[in-house]
Protein backbone atom coordinates (compact mmCIF):
# COMPACT_ATOMS: atom_id res chain seq x y z
CA MET A 1 -8.99 -5.45 -5.97
CA THR A 2 -9.65 -7.47 -2.82
CA ALA A 3 -7.61 -6.65 0.27
CA ARG A 4 -7.61 -8.90 3.24
CA LEU A 5 -5.74 -8.38 6.47
CA ILE A 6 -4.24 -11.54 8.06
CA THR A 7 -3.51 -11.24 11.74
CA GLY A 8 -1.89 -13.77 14.05
CA PRO A 9 1.25 -15.83 13.56
CA ALA A 10 -0.56 -19.12 12.75
CA ALA A 11 -2.65 -17.50 10.09
CA GLN A 12 0.34 -15.76 8.59
CA ARG A 13 2.31 -19.05 8.45
CA GLU A 14 -0.61 -20.84 6.86
CA ALA A 15 -1.01 -18.12 4.24
CA ILE A 16 2.67 -18.17 3.38
CA THR A 17 2.63 -21.96 3.08
CA GLN A 18 -0.36 -21.91 0.80
CA LEU A 19 0.96 -19.14 -1.40
CA ARG A 20 4.40 -20.68 -1.83
CA ALA A 21 2.82 -24.11 -2.61
CA ALA A 22 1.15 -22.50 -5.65
CA GLY A 23 4.55 -22.17 -7.28
CA ARG A 24 4.09 -18.53 -8.22
CA SER A 25 6.48 -15.64 -7.78
CA PHE A 26 6.43 -14.76 -4.08
CA ARG A 27 7.91 -11.46 -2.84
CA VAL A 28 8.07 -10.40 0.83
CA PRO A 29 9.87 -7.03 1.05
CA HIS A 30 10.72 -5.48 4.44
CA HIS A 31 8.71 -2.61 5.75
CA SER A 32 11.69 -0.33 5.67
CA CYS A 33 11.84 -0.47 1.85
CA SER A 34 11.46 2.83 0.03
CA THR A 35 8.74 3.63 -2.42
CA ARG A 36 11.37 3.56 -5.13
CA THR A 37 12.36 0.02 -4.11
CA ILE A 38 8.78 -1.22 -4.29
CA VAL A 39 7.66 0.61 -7.48
CA GLY A 40 10.93 0.53 -9.36
CA ALA A 41 13.22 3.29 -10.79
CA LEU A 42 14.77 4.52 -13.89
CA LEU A 43 18.54 4.80 -13.29
CA SER A 44 20.76 7.15 -15.27
CA ARG A 45 24.02 5.83 -16.51
CA THR A 46 26.59 7.54 -18.72
CA THR A 47 27.29 5.82 -22.05
CA ASP A 48 30.72 5.41 -23.72
CA ASN A 49 30.06 8.89 -25.17
CA ALA A 50 30.28 11.00 -21.99
CA ARG A 51 27.76 13.46 -23.33
CA GLU A 52 24.91 11.01 -23.45
CA GLN A 53 23.05 9.27 -20.73
CA ASP A 54 20.92 6.06 -20.90
CA LEU A 55 18.05 5.29 -18.57
CA VAL A 56 17.89 1.79 -17.33
CA LEU A 57 14.80 0.36 -15.62
CA GLN A 58 15.49 -1.05 -12.15
CA PRO A 59 12.46 -3.26 -11.50
CA GLY A 60 10.76 -2.90 -8.17
CA GLU A 61 9.11 -5.54 -6.00
CA LEU A 62 5.79 -4.85 -7.79
CA THR A 63 7.31 -5.77 -11.09
CA LEU A 64 9.19 -8.74 -9.68
CA ALA A 65 5.98 -10.10 -8.28
CA THR A 66 4.21 -10.10 -11.59
CA GLY A 67 2.15 -13.25 -11.96
CA GLY A 68 2.60 -13.98 -8.28
CA VAL A 69 2.13 -12.53 -4.88
CA LEU A 70 3.48 -9.47 -3.09
CA MET A 71 3.17 -9.92 0.64
CA LEU A 72 3.47 -6.94 2.93
CA THR A 73 4.16 -8.03 6.46
CA ASP A 74 3.65 -5.78 9.43
CA VAL A 75 1.55 -3.47 7.25
CA ALA A 76 1.08 -0.99 10.11
CA GLU A 77 4.86 -0.26 10.03
CA TRP A 78 4.95 0.71 6.33
CA SER A 79 5.11 4.27 5.19
CA ILE A 80 1.64 5.56 4.09
CA ASP A 81 3.19 6.98 0.84
CA THR A 82 4.58 3.58 -0.02
CA LEU A 83 1.34 1.76 0.71
CA LEU A 84 -0.57 4.33 -1.34
CA ALA A 85 1.78 3.78 -4.30
CA VAL A 86 1.34 0.06 -4.01
CA GLY A 87 -2.40 0.31 -3.69
CA LEU A 88 -2.79 2.58 -6.73
CA ALA A 89 -0.47 0.45 -8.82
CA VAL A 90 -2.33 -2.82 -8.04
CA LYS A 91 -5.69 -1.15 -8.49
CA HIS A 92 -4.82 0.36 -11.91
CA GLY A 93 -2.61 -2.51 -13.04
CA ARG A 94 0.45 -0.30 -13.72
CA ALA A 95 3.04 1.78 -11.93
CA VAL A 96 4.49 4.97 -13.32
CA VAL A 97 8.26 5.37 -12.92
CA VAL A 98 9.73 8.89 -13.58
CA ALA A 99 13.32 9.90 -13.90
CA ARG A 100 15.00 13.16 -14.46
CA THR A 101 18.26 13.60 -16.29
CA SER A 102 20.32 16.71 -16.90
CA LYS A 103 18.59 17.24 -20.21
CA ASN A 104 15.06 15.76 -19.91
CA VAL A 105 12.45 13.85 -17.93
CA ALA A 106 11.47 10.34 -18.76
CA ARG A 107 8.27 8.52 -17.78
CA LEU A 108 7.67 4.84 -18.03
CA GLU A 109 4.61 2.77 -17.22
CA VAL A 110 5.39 -0.74 -16.00
CA PRO A 111 2.67 -3.41 -15.70
CA VAL A 112 1.62 -4.58 -12.30
CA MET A 113 -0.22 -7.84 -12.19
CA CYS A 114 0.10 -9.47 -8.74
CA ASP A 115 -2.01 -10.52 -5.82
CA LEU A 116 -1.53 -8.37 -2.78
CA VAL A 117 -1.47 -9.86 0.79
CA ALA A 118 -1.11 -7.69 3.84
CA THR A 119 -0.40 -9.10 7.38
CA SER A 120 -0.10 -7.39 10.74
CA PRO A 121 0.04 -8.52 14.40
CA SER A 122 -3.28 -7.55 16.11
CA CYS A 123 -1.35 -5.83 18.92
CA PRO A 124 1.73 -3.50 18.79
CA CYS A 125 3.65 -5.69 21.28
CA ASN A 126 2.96 -8.73 19.10
CA ALA A 127 1.68 -10.66 22.07
CA SER A 128 -0.47 -12.64 19.69
CA ALA A 129 2.64 -14.73 18.98
CA GLY A 130 1.75 -16.47 22.29
CA THR A 131 5.08 -16.30 24.00
CA TRP A 132 4.18 -13.56 26.45
CA SER A 133 1.16 -11.65 27.76
CA CYS A 134 0.12 -8.37 26.28
CA SER A 135 1.52 -5.26 27.98
CA CYS A 136 -0.22 -2.72 25.80
CA THR A 137 -2.46 0.04 27.18
CA THR A 138 -5.83 0.82 25.68
CA PRO A 139 -4.56 4.06 23.98
CA MET A 140 -1.63 2.09 22.45
CA LYS A 141 -4.08 -0.53 21.05
CA ALA A 142 -6.34 2.27 19.73
CA ARG A 143 -3.36 3.94 17.94
CA TRP A 144 -2.21 0.61 16.56
CA SER A 145 -5.80 -0.09 15.23
CA LYS A 146 -5.80 3.32 13.62
CA ARG A 147 -2.47 2.55 11.90
CA ILE A 148 -3.81 -0.70 10.54
CA GLU A 149 -7.03 1.07 9.34
CA ASP A 150 -4.93 3.74 7.59
CA ALA A 151 -2.70 1.14 6.02
CA MET A 152 -5.63 -0.73 4.63
CA LEU A 153 -7.19 2.49 3.29
CA ALA A 154 -3.89 3.40 1.55
CA LEU A 155 -3.65 -0.16 0.05
CA SER A 156 -7.19 0.43 -1.43
CA GLY A 157 -6.03 3.66 -3.11
CA VAL A 158 -7.40 6.11 -0.55
CA ASP A 159 -5.03 8.57 1.19
CA PRO A 160 -5.97 8.33 4.90
CA ARG A 161 -4.35 11.67 5.57
CA LEU A 162 -6.97 13.62 3.66
CA GLU A 163 -9.62 15.21 5.89
CA ARG A 164 -13.00 13.68 5.68
CA GLU A 165 -15.94 15.79 6.52
CA PRO A 166 -18.20 14.23 9.09
CA TYR A 167 -21.52 12.97 7.70
CA ASP A 168 -24.49 15.28 8.42
CA PRO A 169 -27.88 13.71 7.84
CA ALA A 170 -29.60 17.11 7.66
CA GLU A 171 -27.36 18.09 4.71
CA ALA A 172 -27.98 14.88 3.01
CA ARG A 173 -31.70 15.67 2.86
CA GLY A 174 -30.99 19.11 1.42
CA TYR A 175 -33.11 20.31 -1.51
CA GLY A 176 -32.21 22.51 -4.48
CA GLY A 177 -28.51 22.28 -4.02
CA ARG A 178 -28.68 24.28 -0.82
CA PRO A 179 -27.14 22.42 2.12
CA GLY A 180 -29.38 22.16 5.13
CA ARG A 181 -32.60 23.20 3.44
CA VAL A 182 -35.16 20.49 3.93
CA HIS A 183 -38.04 20.25 1.35
CA THR A 184 -41.28 20.19 3.25
CA GLY A 185 -43.57 19.45 0.31
CA ASP A 186 -45.08 22.97 -0.12
C-alpha cells in the first residue's frame, strides 16, 4: 500500500479534480465518522417470527469505495482507532465485521479494494489556505506534526500508541543473544 499525504488547499483541490475525473467511486467521509460507519456493520433485525433475528450488512465507506477512492480529509482530526481499522483493511484487502445477537456471534469478511488518499492542512490554524497569517506557536505546530505522523502510521497499519524502545547501537552489536555484549574476536 502506498500512502501519500497531500497538504495545502491547491494540492487538495487538484487531487480531488483528478480523482473525480477518472469516473471511479469517490467517497469523502467526515472525520467525525465512527469506525463502524467506515468499516461497516452487521445490524440485527427481528423477522416475522419474533423469536428469530436476521443479520443485515450495512456497508461502510470502505465497501462503498470499492473500485474507487476513499479520501480522508483533515487526517490529523480522525480517531487513531478508525485510521488503524482503515489502514489494516486496505493493507489486507478485507475488513472484518462482527455482530453479537442474543444467541450468537456473527463474523463477516468484506472485501476492501480501494485507493486511499489522506489530506491535511500543514498547520492547525489552516493558514495555508492563504486568507490569513499563521497564529500558531511552535509547540502547537509540533503537536500538529505529531498528530499527522501518528495518523500516517495508523494508516500504514502500525498503532502509534505502542511504546517503541529507543534504538541502542551497543545492543545491536550484541553477540550470542546477550544484549550489550560486544564480540571482540577472542
